[in-house]
Amino acid sequence: MKAPPQPTKGTVPSTVVPTLTQEIKNKLYKNISFSTAVGVTDAPLGLRDMGIVADTMTILALGGGFTYKMNSPANDATTASAVGQQEIDFEIEEIYVTGLGAGTGQIRVMWNPDLIRLKP
């Protein structure tokens, strides 16, 4: 592989040279417990209030069972089917849960506080 040509002093390169970067591995996590009782419908877990924008969600406990929706209660529900079930590489601003039976569910969210979110 050839190295890209270096511009001479005072000129602007005509091609953009790719630059490799590495993500800072400084992830934080929070375990969030919630009721899975019937009657709990599209209850937000409060990520927005905590200022969290997660990129990973892992189910730690199912309780009596629940479904979840990410980012908007208008999205389709996903059934929490197993401990260890994950959502990864997804920008998660909020999680809405609906209980299917008595008990307590638990979800872990992870995020990197060093990443900068760019607004479109």
Protein backbone atom coordinates (compact mmCIF):
# COMPACT_ATOMS: atom_id res chain seq x y z
CA MET A 1 0.00 0.00 0.00
CA LYS A 2 1.38 3.38 -0.98
CA ALA A 3 1.35 6.32 1.40
CA PRO A 4 -0.80 9.24 0.20
CA PRO A 5 1.12 12.10 -1.38
CA GLN A 6 2.04 14.86 1.05
CA PRO A 7 0.93 18.38 0.06
CA THR A 8 3.59 20.98 -0.51
CA LYS A 9 3.68 23.99 1.76
CA GLY A 10 0.86 26.42 1.04
CA THR A 11 -1.31 24.01 -0.93
CA VAL A 12 -4.55 22.24 -0.07
CA PRO A 13 -4.65 18.48 -0.66
CA SER A 14 -7.08 17.42 -3.38
CA THR A 15 -8.04 14.17 -1.61
CA VAL A 16 -9.12 13.51 1.91
CA VAL A 17 -6.86 11.05 3.68
CA PRO A 18 -8.74 8.72 6.07
CA THR A 19 -7.71 8.96 9.70
CA LEU A 20 -8.12 6.07 12.09
CA THR A 21 -9.51 6.88 15.50
CA GLN A 22 -10.14 4.76 18.56
CA GLU A 23 -13.11 5.10 20.87
CA ILE A 24 -12.22 5.92 24.47
CA LYS A 25 -13.24 2.87 26.50
CA ASN A 26 -14.74 4.70 29.45
CA LYS A 27 -18.21 3.21 29.60
CA LEU A 28 -20.52 3.79 32.52
CA TYR A 29 -23.49 1.64 33.43
CA LYS A 30 -26.62 1.80 35.55
CA ASN A 31 -28.88 -1.03 36.72
CA ILE A 32 -32.53 0.05 36.73
CA SER A 33 -35.22 -1.93 38.58
CA PHE A 34 -38.92 -1.55 37.77
CA SER A 35 -42.29 -3.17 38.39
CA THR A 36 -43.50 -5.80 35.91
CA ALA A 37 -47.03 -5.78 37.33
CA VAL A 38 -49.98 -5.90 34.99
CA GLY A 39 -51.25 -2.32 34.68
CA VAL A 40 -47.77 -0.82 34.21
CA THR A 41 -48.06 0.38 30.62
CA ASP A 42 -45.36 2.21 28.63
CA ALA A 43 -43.72 3.42 31.85
CA PRO A 44 -40.49 5.34 31.06
CA LEU A 45 -37.40 4.23 32.99
CA GLY A 46 -36.15 7.83 33.23
CA LEU A 47 -33.01 7.76 31.06
CA ARG A 48 -33.76 11.22 29.66
CA ASP A 49 -34.19 12.63 33.17
CA MET A 50 -30.79 11.13 34.12
CA GLY A 51 -29.12 12.54 30.98
CA ILE A 52 -28.24 9.06 29.72
CA VAL A 53 -28.01 8.17 26.05
CA ALA A 54 -27.13 4.48 26.13
CA ASP A 55 -25.68 2.32 23.38
CA THR A 56 -26.25 -1.04 25.08
CA MET A 57 -29.17 -2.47 27.06
CA THR A 58 -29.06 -5.86 28.82
CA ILE A 59 -31.94 -7.60 30.62
CA LEU A 60 -30.80 -8.69 34.09
CA ALA A 61 -34.13 -9.92 35.55
CA LEU A 62 -37.50 -10.70 33.97
CA GLY A 63 -39.73 -10.49 37.04
CA GLY A 64 -43.20 -11.55 35.91
CA GLY A 65 -42.37 -10.67 32.31
CA PHE A 66 -42.47 -7.42 30.37
CA THR A 67 -42.21 -5.85 26.96
CA TYR A 68 -40.11 -2.81 26.13
CA LYS A 69 -40.00 -0.07 23.53
CA MET A 70 -36.96 2.06 22.83
CA ASN A 71 -37.04 5.85 22.41
CA SER A 72 -40.78 6.25 21.80
CA PRO A 73 -43.94 4.59 23.12
CA ALA A 74 -45.15 4.64 19.49
CA ASN A 75 -42.48 2.07 18.49
CA ASP A 76 -43.23 -1.66 18.34
CA ALA A 77 -42.94 -3.60 21.60
CA THR A 78 -40.28 -6.27 22.04
CA THR A 79 -40.91 -9.09 24.50
CA ALA A 80 -38.19 -9.57 27.10
CA SER A 81 -37.65 -13.30 26.67
CA ALA A 82 -34.42 -14.15 28.51
CA VAL A 83 -31.93 -12.84 31.03
CA GLY A 84 -28.95 -11.64 29.01
CA GLN A 85 -31.05 -10.46 26.05
CA GLN A 86 -29.38 -7.35 24.62
CA GLU A 87 -29.88 -4.38 22.38
CA ILE A 88 -26.48 -3.17 21.14
CA ASP A 89 -25.09 -0.45 18.89
CA PHE A 90 -28.32 1.51 19.13
CA GLU A 91 -28.78 5.03 20.48
CA ILE A 92 -31.20 4.54 23.39
CA GLU A 93 -32.58 7.77 24.84
CA GLU A 94 -35.46 6.17 26.77
CA ILE A 95 -36.95 2.74 27.46
CA TYR A 96 -40.68 2.22 28.01
CA VAL A 97 -41.80 -0.96 29.79
CA THR A 98 -45.16 -2.70 30.02
CA GLY A 99 -45.62 -5.30 32.75
CA LEU A 100 -47.01 -8.76 32.03
CA GLY A 101 -47.09 -10.19 35.57
CA ALA A 102 -46.19 -9.58 39.21
CA GLY A 103 -42.54 -9.03 40.07
CA THR A 104 -39.58 -6.77 39.48
CA GLY A 105 -37.59 -6.55 36.27
CA GLN A 106 -34.11 -5.14 35.92
CA ILE A 107 -32.28 -3.67 32.94
CA ARG A 108 -28.65 -2.51 32.69
CA VAL A 109 -27.85 0.36 30.34
CA MET A 110 -24.31 1.26 29.28
CA TRP A 111 -23.01 4.45 27.69
CA ASN A 112 -19.79 6.29 26.97
CA PRO A 113 -19.80 9.81 28.46
CA ASP A 114 -16.78 10.80 26.34
CA LEU A 115 -18.64 10.50 23.03
CA ILE A 116 -19.96 13.69 21.50
CA ARG A 117 -23.44 13.58 19.97
CA LEU A 118 -23.75 15.70 16.85
CA LYS A 119 -27.11 17.25 16.07
CA PRO A 120 -28.22 16.99 12.42
